[in-house]
Amino acid sequence: MNDEQITARIEELEAEERRLRADESAEGTPSDSLAEDAQRLKEIKVELDRLWDYLRQRRALRDAGGDPDDASLRDADTVEHYKG
């Protein structure tokens, strides 16, 4: 995946996140739908974190004179529990 593809996917996920948050605040939304939306929002957060991490790795490699294709999309557990 190149930087443009990563950025496009990030934008798609952010649009979905905005839509879900708007649905969440809408009156009369069934509770099962809210539970499903809450679960999907968690999934989106993790995927966004992974993609932003991947994009930062690619940029850092490029800035250091390396090959951005050497970056790897890390698993959710690694990204979500990273201690900087």
PDB file of N, CA and C in Angstrom:
ATOM      1  N   MET A   1       0.852  -1.170   0.000  1.00  0.00           N
ATOM      2  CA  MET A   1       0.000   0.000   0.000  1.00  0.00           C
ATOM      3  C   MET A   1       0.902   1.239   0.000  1.00  0.00           C
ATOM      4  N   ASN A   2       0.617   2.198  -0.875  1.00  0.00           N
ATOM      5  CA  ASN A   2       1.429   3.412  -0.903  1.00  0.00           C
ATOM      6  C   ASN A   2       0.776   4.498  -0.036  1.00  0.00           C
ATOM      7  N   ASP A   3       1.475   5.624   0.109  1.00  0.00           N
ATOM      8  CA  ASP A   3       0.995   6.690   0.987  1.00  0.00           C
ATOM      9  C   ASP A   3      -0.389   7.190   0.583  1.00  0.00           C
ATOM     10  N   GLU A   4      -0.625   7.319  -0.717  1.00  0.00           N
ATOM     11  CA  GLU A   4      -1.919   7.814  -1.195  1.00  0.00           C
ATOM     12  C   GLU A   4      -3.039   6.842  -0.844  1.00  0.00           C
ATOM     13  N   GLN A   5      -2.778   5.557  -0.976  1.00  0.00           N
ATOM     14  CA  GLN A   5      -3.784   4.552  -0.633  1.00  0.00           C
ATOM     15  C   GLN A   5      -4.057   4.550   0.872  1.00  0.00           C
ATOM     16  N   ILE A   6      -3.008   4.686   1.658  1.00  0.00           N
ATOM     17  CA  ILE A   6      -3.169   4.731   3.112  1.00  0.00           C
ATOM     18  C   ILE A   6      -3.994   5.953   3.496  1.00  0.00           C
ATOM     19  N   THR A   7      -3.659   7.102   2.925  1.00  0.00           N
ATOM     20  CA  THR A   7      -4.378   8.337   3.222  1.00  0.00           C
ATOM     21  C   THR A   7      -5.841   8.233   2.795  1.00  0.00           C
ATOM     22  N   ALA A   8      -6.098   7.639   1.649  1.00  0.00           N
ATOM     23  CA  ALA A   8      -7.478   7.469   1.179  1.00  0.00           C
ATOM     24  C   ALA A   8      -8.266   6.584   2.142  1.00  0.00           C
ATOM     25  N   ARG A   9      -7.646   5.519   2.614  1.00  0.00           N
ATOM     26  CA  ARG A   9      -8.331   4.618   3.562  1.00  0.00           C
ATOM     27  C   ARG A   9      -8.603   5.343   4.879  1.00  0.00           C
ATOM     28  N   ILE A  10      -7.646   6.140   5.348  1.00  0.00           N
ATOM     29  CA  ILE A  10      -7.835   6.925   6.568  1.00  0.00           C
ATOM     30  C   ILE A  10      -9.038   7.853   6.391  1.00  0.00           C
ATOM     31  N   GLU A  11      -9.109   8.515   5.244  1.00  0.00           N
ATOM     32  CA  GLU A  11     -10.222   9.432   4.982  1.00  0.00           C
ATOM     33  C   GLU A  11     -11.562   8.699   4.954  1.00  0.00           C
ATOM     34  N   GLU A  12     -11.594   7.505   4.369  1.00  0.00           N
ATOM     35  CA  GLU A  12     -12.820   6.698   4.348  1.00  0.00           C
ATOM     36  C   GLU A  12     -13.266   6.360   5.771  1.00  0.00           C
ATOM     37  N   LEU A  13     -12.318   5.917   6.576  1.00  0.00           N
ATOM     38  CA  LEU A  13     -12.644   5.544   7.949  1.00  0.00           C
ATOM     39  C   LEU A  13     -13.100   6.748   8.765  1.00  0.00           C
ATOM     40  N   GLU A  14     -12.465   7.883   8.570  1.00  0.00           N
ATOM     41  CA  GLU A  14     -12.867   9.086   9.297  1.00  0.00           C
ATOM     42  C   GLU A  14     -14.272   9.525   8.898  1.00  0.00           C
ATOM     43  N   ALA A  15     -14.621   9.377   7.617  1.00  0.00           N
ATOM     44  CA  ALA A  15     -15.976   9.699   7.158  1.00  0.00           C
ATOM     45  C   ALA A  15     -16.992   8.751   7.796  1.00  0.00           C
ATOM     46  N   GLU A  16     -16.655   7.472   7.837  1.00  0.00           N
ATOM     47  CA  GLU A  16     -17.547   6.498   8.479  1.00  0.00           C
ATOM     48  C   GLU A  16     -17.705   6.815   9.962  1.00  0.00           C
ATOM     49  N   GLU A  17     -16.603   7.180  10.608  1.00  0.00           N
ATOM     50  CA  GLU A  17     -16.646   7.529  12.027  1.00  0.00           C
ATOM     51  C   GLU A  17     -17.580   8.728  12.260  1.00  0.00           C
ATOM     52  N   ARG A  18     -17.465   9.746  11.427  1.00  0.00           N
ATOM     53  CA  ARG A  18     -18.345  10.920  11.556  1.00  0.00           C
ATOM     54  C   ARG A  18     -19.814  10.531  11.385  1.00  0.00           C
ATOM     55  N   ARG A  19     -20.083   9.678  10.393  1.00  0.00           N
ATOM     56  CA  ARG A  19     -21.458   9.231  10.154  1.00  0.00           C
ATOM     57  C   ARG A  19     -22.005   8.475  11.355  1.00  0.00           C
ATOM     58  N   LEU A  20     -21.197   7.575  11.902  1.00  0.00           N
ATOM     59  CA  LEU A  20     -21.636   6.793  13.059  1.00  0.00           C
ATOM     60  C   LEU A  20     -21.869   7.683  14.275  1.00  0.00           C
ATOM     61  N   ARG A  21     -21.019   8.660  14.477  1.00  0.00           N
ATOM     62  CA  ARG A  21     -21.198   9.580  15.606  1.00  0.00           C
ATOM     63  C   ARG A  21     -22.455  10.421  15.427  1.00  0.00           C
ATOM     64  N   ALA A  22     -22.763  10.797  14.190  1.00  0.00           N
ATOM     65  CA  ALA A  22     -24.001  11.543  13.921  1.00  0.00           C
ATOM     66  C   ALA A  22     -25.211  10.652  14.201  1.00  0.00           C
ATOM     67  N   ASP A  23     -25.131   9.390  13.789  1.00  0.00           N
ATOM     68  CA  ASP A  23     -26.215   8.435  14.052  1.00  0.00           C
ATOM     69  C   ASP A  23     -26.400   8.239  15.545  1.00  0.00           C
ATOM     70  N   GLU A  24     -25.275   8.185  16.270  1.00  0.00           N
ATOM     71  CA  GLU A  24     -25.286   7.982  17.713  1.00  0.00           C
ATOM     72  C   GLU A  24     -26.067   9.088  18.418  1.00  0.00           C
ATOM     73  N   SER A  25     -25.942  10.307  17.918  1.00  0.00           N
ATOM     74  CA  SER A  25     -26.588  11.437  18.572  1.00  0.00           C
ATOM     75  C   SER A  25     -28.017  11.665  18.079  1.00  0.00           C
ATOM     76  N   ALA A  26     -28.441  10.908  17.061  1.00  0.00           N
ATOM     77  CA  ALA A  26     -29.800  11.058  16.535  1.00  0.00           C
ATOM     78  C   ALA A  26     -30.817  10.494  17.528  1.00  0.00           C
ATOM     79  N   GLU A  27     -31.913  11.201  17.649  1.00  0.00           N
ATOM     80  CA  GLU A  27     -32.996  10.746  18.534  1.00  0.00           C
ATOM     81  C   GLU A  27     -33.666   9.517  17.927  1.00  0.00           C
ATOM     82  N   GLY A  28     -34.121   8.629  18.784  1.00  0.00           N
ATOM     83  CA  GLY A  28     -34.894   7.476  18.335  1.00  0.00           C
ATOM     84  C   GLY A  28     -34.082   6.351  17.733  1.00  0.00           C
ATOM     85  N   THR A  29     -32.781   6.363  17.919  1.00  0.00           N
ATOM     86  CA  THR A  29     -31.958   5.285  17.392  1.00  0.00           C
ATOM     87  C   THR A  29     -32.124   4.060  18.286  1.00  0.00           C
ATOM     88  N   PRO A  30     -32.475   2.890  17.705  1.00  0.00           N
ATOM     89  CA  PRO A  30     -32.647   1.673  18.517  1.00  0.00           C
ATOM     90  C   PRO A  30     -31.363   1.314  19.273  1.00  0.00           C
ATOM     91  N   SER A  31     -31.520   0.773  20.470  1.00  0.00           N
ATOM     92  CA  SER A  31     -30.356   0.484  21.302  1.00  0.00           C
ATOM     93  C   SER A  31     -29.430  -0.560  20.692  1.00  0.00           C
ATOM     94  N   ASP A  32     -29.981  -1.559  19.942  1.00  0.00           N
ATOM     95  CA  ASP A  32     -29.074  -2.544  19.330  1.00  0.00           C
ATOM     96  C   ASP A  32     -28.224  -1.873  18.261  1.00  0.00           C
ATOM     97  N   SER A  33     -28.790  -0.913  17.569  1.00  0.00           N
ATOM     98  CA  SER A  33     -28.030  -0.185  16.562  1.00  0.00           C
ATOM     99  C   SER A  33     -26.911   0.618  17.233  1.00  0.00           C
ATOM    100  N   LEU A  34     -27.206   1.201  18.387  1.00  0.00           N
ATOM    101  CA  LEU A  34     -26.186   1.959  19.123  1.00  0.00           C
ATOM    102  C   LEU A  34     -25.052   1.047  19.571  1.00  0.00           C
ATOM    103  N   ALA A  35     -25.396  -0.152  20.023  1.00  0.00           N
ATOM    104  CA  ALA A  35     -24.368  -1.105  20.458  1.00  0.00           C
ATOM    105  C   ALA A  35     -23.491  -1.517  19.275  1.00  0.00           C
ATOM    106  N   GLU A  36     -24.114  -1.757  18.123  1.00  0.00           N
ATOM    107  CA  GLU A  36     -23.355  -2.122  16.925  1.00  0.00           C
ATOM    108  C   GLU A  36     -22.466  -0.959  16.489  1.00  0.00           C
ATOM    109  N   ASP A  37     -23.017   0.254  16.551  1.00  0.00           N
ATOM    110  CA  ASP A  37     -22.241   1.437  16.182  1.00  0.00           C
ATOM    111  C   ASP A  37     -21.055   1.626  17.121  1.00  0.00           C
ATOM    112  N   ALA A  38     -21.278   1.412  18.406  1.00  0.00           N
ATOM    113  CA  ALA A  38     -20.193   1.567  19.381  1.00  0.00           C
ATOM    114  C   ALA A  38     -19.079   0.562  19.096  1.00  0.00           C
ATOM    115  N   GLN A  39     -19.450  -0.663  18.754  1.00  0.00           N
ATOM    116  CA  GLN A  39     -18.457  -1.686  18.424  1.00  0.00           C
ATOM    117  C   GLN A  39     -17.692  -1.292  17.161  1.00  0.00           C
ATOM    118  N   ARG A  40     -18.417  -0.821  16.159  1.00  0.00           N
ATOM    119  CA  ARG A  40     -17.766  -0.420  14.911  1.00  0.00           C
ATOM    120  C   ARG A  40     -16.833   0.772  15.146  1.00  0.00           C
ATOM    121  N   LEU A  41     -17.232   1.709  15.996  1.00  0.00           N
ATOM    122  CA  LEU A  41     -16.371   2.855  16.312  1.00  0.00           C
ATOM    123  C   LEU A  41     -15.065   2.398  16.951  1.00  0.00           C
ATOM    124  N   LYS A  42     -15.141   1.385  17.813  1.00  0.00           N
ATOM    125  CA  LYS A  42     -13.917   0.835  18.409  1.00  0.00           C
ATOM    126  C   LYS A  42     -13.018   0.228  17.335  1.00  0.00           C
ATOM    127  N   GLU A  43     -13.629  -0.510  16.406  1.00  0.00           N
ATOM    128  CA  GLU A  43     -12.865  -1.129  15.326  1.00  0.00           C
ATOM    129  C   GLU A  43     -12.214  -0.067  14.441  1.00  0.00           C
ATOM    130  N   ILE A  44     -12.957   0.984  14.156  1.00  0.00           N
ATOM    131  CA  ILE A  44     -12.427   2.068  13.334  1.00  0.00           C
ATOM    132  C   ILE A  44     -11.243   2.727  14.030  1.00  0.00           C
ATOM    133  N   LYS A  45     -11.362   2.968  15.338  1.00  0.00           N
ATOM    134  CA  LYS A  45     -10.280   3.595  16.097  1.00  0.00           C
ATOM    135  C   LYS A  45      -8.997   2.779  15.975  1.00  0.00           C
ATOM    136  N   VAL A  46      -9.110   1.478  16.138  1.00  0.00           N
ATOM    137  CA  VAL A  46      -7.936   0.604  16.058  1.00  0.00           C
ATOM    138  C   VAL A  46      -7.354   0.624  14.648  1.00  0.00           C
ATOM    139  N   GLU A  47      -8.221   0.524  13.638  1.00  0.00           N
ATOM    140  CA  GLU A  47      -7.707   0.527  12.267  1.00  0.00           C
ATOM    141  C   GLU A  47      -7.053   1.861  11.932  1.00  0.00           C
ATOM    142  N   LEU A  48      -7.644   2.967  12.391  1.00  0.00           N
ATOM    143  CA  LEU A  48      -7.023   4.280  12.167  1.00  0.00           C
ATOM    144  C   LEU A  48      -5.661   4.366  12.848  1.00  0.00           C
ATOM    145  N   ASP A  49      -5.579   3.883  14.081  1.00  0.00           N
ATOM    146  CA  ASP A  49      -4.292   3.896  14.789  1.00  0.00           C
ATOM    147  C   ASP A  49      -3.236   3.109  14.015  1.00  0.00           C
ATOM    148  N   ARG A  50      -3.627   1.950  13.497  1.00  0.00           N
ATOM    149  CA  ARG A  50      -2.688   1.121  12.742  1.00  0.00           C
ATOM    150  C   ARG A  50      -2.236   1.821  11.469  1.00  0.00           C
ATOM    151  N   LEU A  51      -3.180   2.433  10.756  1.00  0.00           N
ATOM    152  CA  LEU A  51      -2.842   3.103   9.510  1.00  0.00           C
ATOM    153  C   LEU A  51      -1.975   4.336   9.734  1.00  0.00           C
ATOM    154  N   TRP A  52      -2.297   5.132  10.772  1.00  0.00           N
ATOM    155  CA  TRP A  52      -1.457   6.294  11.083  1.00  0.00           C
ATOM    156  C   TRP A  52      -0.057   5.850  11.473  1.00  0.00           C
ATOM    157  N   ASP A  53       0.058   4.771  12.235  1.00  0.00           N
ATOM    158  CA  ASP A  53       1.371   4.237  12.614  1.00  0.00           C
ATOM    159  C   ASP A  53       2.148   3.816  11.366  1.00  0.00           C
ATOM    160  N   TYR A  54       1.484   3.140  10.469  1.00  0.00           N
ATOM    161  CA  TYR A  54       2.099   2.679   9.223  1.00  0.00           C
ATOM    162  C   TYR A  54       2.570   3.864   8.384  1.00  0.00           C
ATOM    163  N   LEU A  55       1.726   4.878   8.263  1.00  0.00           N
ATOM    164  CA  LEU A  55       2.087   6.058   7.488  1.00  0.00           C
ATOM    165  C   LEU A  55       3.280   6.773   8.121  1.00  0.00           C
ATOM    166  N   ARG A  56       3.305   6.869   9.456  1.00  0.00           N
ATOM    167  CA  ARG A  56       4.456   7.497  10.145  1.00  0.00           C
ATOM    168  C   ARG A  56       5.734   6.696   9.916  1.00  0.00           C
ATOM    169  N   GLN A  57       5.632   5.370   9.956  1.00  0.00           N
ATOM    170  CA  GLN A  57       6.808   4.537   9.684  1.00  0.00           C
ATOM    171  C   GLN A  57       7.344   4.800   8.283  1.00  0.00           C
ATOM    172  N   ARG A  58       6.441   4.838   7.313  1.00  0.00           N
ATOM    173  CA  ARG A  58       6.842   5.065   5.915  1.00  0.00           C
ATOM    174  C   ARG A  58       7.531   6.422   5.762  1.00  0.00           C
ATOM    175  N   ARG A  59       6.960   7.452   6.374  1.00  0.00           N
ATOM    176  CA  ARG A  59       7.539   8.793   6.285  1.00  0.00           C
ATOM    177  C   ARG A  59       8.900   8.853   6.969  1.00  0.00           C
ATOM    178  N   ALA A  60       9.020   8.204   8.122  1.00  0.00           N
ATOM    179  CA  ALA A  60      10.291   8.205   8.847  1.00  0.00           C
ATOM    180  C   ALA A  60      11.369   7.496   8.034  1.00  0.00           C
ATOM    181  N   LEU A  61      11.031   6.373   7.442  1.00  0.00           N
ATOM    182  CA  LEU A  61      11.997   5.659   6.607  1.00  0.00           C
ATOM    183  C   LEU A  61      12.430   6.526   5.422  1.00  0.00           C
ATOM    184  N   ARG A  62      11.470   7.152   4.781  1.00  0.00           N
ATOM    185  CA  ARG A  62      11.778   8.011   3.632  1.00  0.00           C
ATOM    186  C   ARG A  62      12.677   9.169   4.059  1.00  0.00           C
ATOM    187  N   ASP A  63      12.326   9.817   5.190  1.00  0.00           N
ATOM    188  CA  ASP A  63      13.118  10.951   5.689  1.00  0.00           C
ATOM    189  C   ASP A  63      14.542  10.546   6.052  1.00  0.00           C
ATOM    190  N   ALA A  64      14.717   9.296   6.461  1.00  0.00           N
ATOM    191  CA  ALA A  64      16.035   8.805   6.847  1.00  0.00           C
ATOM    192  C   ALA A  64      16.798   8.220   5.659  1.00  0.00           C
ATOM    193  N   GLY A  65      16.230   8.352   4.467  1.00  0.00           N
ATOM    194  CA  GLY A  65      16.893   7.842   3.275  1.00  0.00           C
ATOM    195  C   GLY A  65      16.626   6.382   3.010  1.00  0.00           C
ATOM    196  N   GLY A  66      15.694   5.806   3.744  1.00  0.00           N
ATOM    197  CA  GLY A  66      15.372   4.393   3.563  1.00  0.00           C
ATOM    198  C   GLY A  66      14.228   4.191   2.583  1.00  0.00           C
ATOM    199  N   ASP A  67      13.855   2.948   2.421  1.00  0.00           N
ATOM    200  CA  ASP A  67      12.769   2.567   1.526  1.00  0.00           C
ATOM    201  C   ASP A  67      11.474   2.490   2.328  1.00  0.00           C
ATOM    202  N   PRO A  68      10.491   3.331   2.018  1.00  0.00           N
ATOM    203  CA  PRO A  68       9.242   3.308   2.774  1.00  0.00           C
ATOM    204  C   PRO A  68       8.519   1.968   2.676  1.00  0.00           C
ATOM    205  N   ASP A  69       8.821   1.199   1.635  1.00  0.00           N
ATOM    206  CA  ASP A  69       8.191  -0.114   1.501  1.00  0.00           C
ATOM    207  C   ASP A  69       8.714  -1.125   2.516  1.00  0.00           C
ATOM    208  N   ASP A  70       9.753  -0.747   3.264  1.00  0.00           N
ATOM    209  CA  ASP A  70      10.243  -1.613   4.335  1.00  0.00           C
ATOM    210  C   ASP A  70       9.381  -1.508   5.591  1.00  0.00           C
ATOM    211  N   ALA A  71       8.487  -0.507   5.627  1.00  0.00           N
ATOM    212  CA  ALA A  71       7.576  -0.355   6.769  1.00  0.00           C
ATOM    213  C   ALA A  71       6.585  -1.517   6.762  1.00  0.00           C
ATOM    214  N   SER A  72       6.045  -1.798   7.939  1.00  0.00           N
ATOM    215  CA  SER A  72       5.057  -2.873   8.017  1.00  0.00           C
ATOM    216  C   SER A  72       3.845  -2.409   8.820  1.00  0.00           C
ATOM    217  N   LEU A  73       2.706  -2.908   8.408  1.00  0.00           N
ATOM    218  CA  LEU A  73       1.467  -2.619   9.108  1.00  0.00           C
ATOM    219  C   LEU A  73       1.447  -3.506  10.354  1.00  0.00           C
ATOM    220  N   ARG A  74       1.600  -2.867  11.504  1.00  0.00           N
ATOM    221  CA  ARG A  74       1.696  -3.635  12.746  1.00  0.00           C
ATOM    222  C   ARG A  74       0.324  -4.109  13.204  1.00  0.00           C
ATOM    223  N   ASP A  75       0.329  -5.180  13.986  1.00  0.00           N
ATOM    224  CA  ASP A  75      -0.929  -5.722  14.487  1.00  0.00           C
ATOM    225  C   ASP A  75      -1.536  -4.774  15.518  1.00  0.00           C
ATOM    226  N   ALA A  76      -2.828  -4.930  15.719  1.00  0.00           N
ATOM    227  CA  ALA A  76      -3.580  -4.040  16.613  1.00  0.00           C
ATOM    228  C   ALA A  76      -3.025  -4.044  18.031  1.00  0.00           C
ATOM    229  N   ASP A  77      -2.650  -5.197  18.517  1.00  0.00           N
ATOM    230  CA  ASP A  77      -2.151  -5.295  19.886  1.00  0.00           C
ATOM    231  C   ASP A  77      -0.882  -4.479  20.069  1.00  0.00           C
ATOM    232  N   THR A  78       0.014  -4.539  19.114  1.00  0.00           N
ATOM    233  CA  THR A  78       1.256  -3.776  19.186  1.00  0.00           C
ATOM    234  C   THR A  78       0.978  -2.284  19.185  1.00  0.00           C
ATOM    235  N   VAL A  79       0.140  -1.839  18.259  1.00  0.00           N
ATOM    236  CA  VAL A  79      -0.144  -0.412  18.114  1.00  0.00           C
ATOM    237  C   VAL A  79      -0.919   0.118  19.324  1.00  0.00           C
ATOM    238  N   GLU A  80      -1.882  -0.639  19.787  1.00  0.00           N
ATOM    239  CA  GLU A  80      -2.741  -0.156  20.882  1.00  0.00           C
ATOM    240  C   GLU A  80      -2.049  -0.186  22.241  1.00  0.00           C
ATOM    241  N   HIS A  81      -0.989  -0.974  22.377  1.00  0.00           N
ATOM    242  CA  HIS A  81      -0.303  -1.067  23.673  1.00  0.00           C
ATOM    243  C   HIS A  81       1.103  -0.505  23.633  1.00  0.00           C
ATOM    244  N   TYR A  82       1.386   0.283  22.601  1.00  0.00           N
ATOM    245  CA  TYR A  82       2.715   0.868  22.463  1.00  0.00           C
ATOM    246  C   TYR A  82       2.964   1.886  23.559  1.00  0.00           C
ATOM    247  N   LYS A  83       4.114   1.793  24.174  1.00  0.00           N
ATOM    248  CA  LYS A  83       4.535   2.753  25.202  1.00  0.00           C
ATOM    249  C   LYS A  83       5.696   3.538  24.613  1.00  0.00           C
ATOM    250  N   GLY A  84       5.476   4.818  24.304  1.00  0.00           N
ATOM    251  CA  GLY A  84       6.493   5.624  23.638  1.00  0.00           C
ATOM    252  C   GLY A  84       7.518   6.202  24.540  1.00  0.00           C
TER     253      GLY A  84
END
